[in-house]
C-alpha atoms as a PDB file:
ATOM      1  CA  MET A   1     149.729   8.594 -10.751  1.00  0.00           C
ATOM      2  CA  SER A   2     151.527   6.882 -13.621  1.00  0.00           C
ATOM      3  CA  ASP A   3     150.967   7.685 -17.294  1.00  0.00           C
ATOM      4  CA  ALA A   4     149.394   4.254 -17.757  1.00  0.00           C
ATOM      5  CA  GLU A   5     146.846   5.031 -15.056  1.00  0.00           C
ATOM      6  CA  TRP A   6     145.975   8.347 -16.720  1.00  0.00           C
ATOM      7  CA  VAL A   7     145.609   6.590 -20.084  1.00  0.00           C
ATOM      8  CA  ALA A   8     143.250   4.057 -18.494  1.00  0.00           C
ATOM      9  CA  LYS A   9     141.179   6.857 -16.982  1.00  0.00           C
ATOM     10  CA  CYS A  10     141.092   8.708 -20.291  1.00  0.00           C
ATOM     11  CA  GLU A  11     139.880   5.540 -22.026  1.00  0.00           C
ATOM     12  CA  LEU A  12     137.166   5.147 -19.398  1.00  0.00           C
ATOM     13  CA  LEU A  13     136.201   8.766 -19.913  1.00  0.00           C
ATOM     14  CA  SER A  14     136.002   8.325 -23.674  1.00  0.00           C
ATOM     15  CA  GLY A  15     133.804   5.254 -23.252  1.00  0.00           C
ATOM     16  CA  LYS A  16     136.199   2.582 -24.508  1.00  0.00           C
ATOM     17  CA  GLY A  17     136.907   1.136 -21.076  1.00  0.00           C
ATOM     18  CA  VAL A  18     133.273   1.549 -20.055  1.00  0.00           C
ATOM     19  CA  ASP A  19     132.033  -0.472 -23.034  1.00  0.00           C
ATOM     20  CA  GLN A  20     134.591  -3.184 -22.350  1.00  0.00           C
ATOM     21  CA  ALA A  21     133.363  -3.352 -18.773  1.00  0.00           C
ATOM     22  CA  GLY A  22     129.830  -3.875 -20.058  1.00  0.00           C
ATOM     23  CA  LEU A  23     128.327  -1.212 -17.813  1.00  0.00           C
ATOM     24  CA  ALA A  24     124.771  -0.024 -18.347  1.00  0.00           C
ATOM     25  CA  PRO A  25     124.152   3.599 -19.409  1.00  0.00           C
ATOM     26  CA  LEU A  26     123.372   4.587 -15.812  1.00  0.00           C
ATOM     27  CA  GLY A  27     126.650   3.074 -14.654  1.00  0.00           C
ATOM     28  CA  ARG A  28     128.359   4.940 -17.476  1.00  0.00           C
ATOM     29  CA  ARG A  29     126.868   8.225 -16.232  1.00  0.00           C
ATOM     30  CA  ILE A  30     127.984   7.537 -12.668  1.00  0.00           C
ATOM     31  CA  LEU A  31     131.441   6.615 -13.913  1.00  0.00           C
ATOM     32  CA  ALA A  32     131.599   9.801 -15.993  1.00  0.00           C
ATOM     33  CA  ASP A  33     130.797  11.797 -12.853  1.00  0.00           C
ATOM     34  CA  LEU A  34     133.589   9.994 -11.001  1.00  0.00           C
ATOM     35  CA  VAL A  35     136.209  10.615 -13.689  1.00  0.00           C
ATOM     36  CA  GLU A  36     135.112  14.163 -14.524  1.00  0.00           C
ATOM     37  CA  PRO A  37     138.047  15.671 -12.567  1.00  0.00           C
ATOM     38  CA  PHE A  38     140.415  13.889 -14.982  1.00  0.00           C
ATOM     39  CA  GLU A  39     138.842  15.404 -18.109  1.00  0.00           C
ATOM     40  CA  GLU A  40     141.134  18.414 -18.219  1.00  0.00           C
ATOM     41  CA  ARG A  41     144.263  16.303 -17.930  1.00  0.00           C
ATOM     42  CA  CYS A  42     143.018  13.965 -20.652  1.00  0.00           C
ATOM     43  CA  ARG A  43     142.329  16.868 -23.004  1.00  0.00           C
ATOM     44  CA  ALA A  44     145.709  18.394 -22.190  1.00  0.00           C
ATOM     45  CA  SER A  45     147.640  15.210 -22.994  1.00  0.00           C
END
């Protein structure tokens, strides 16, 4: 996966991308569950 893809996932995880997508809180929770495996990499970068 490219750095740009990781950055996009990190933004989604932090909520920036989620807000831009206009997702409801429930969708945000589901999305957080989906991107949870990327949390460690985001924190490490």
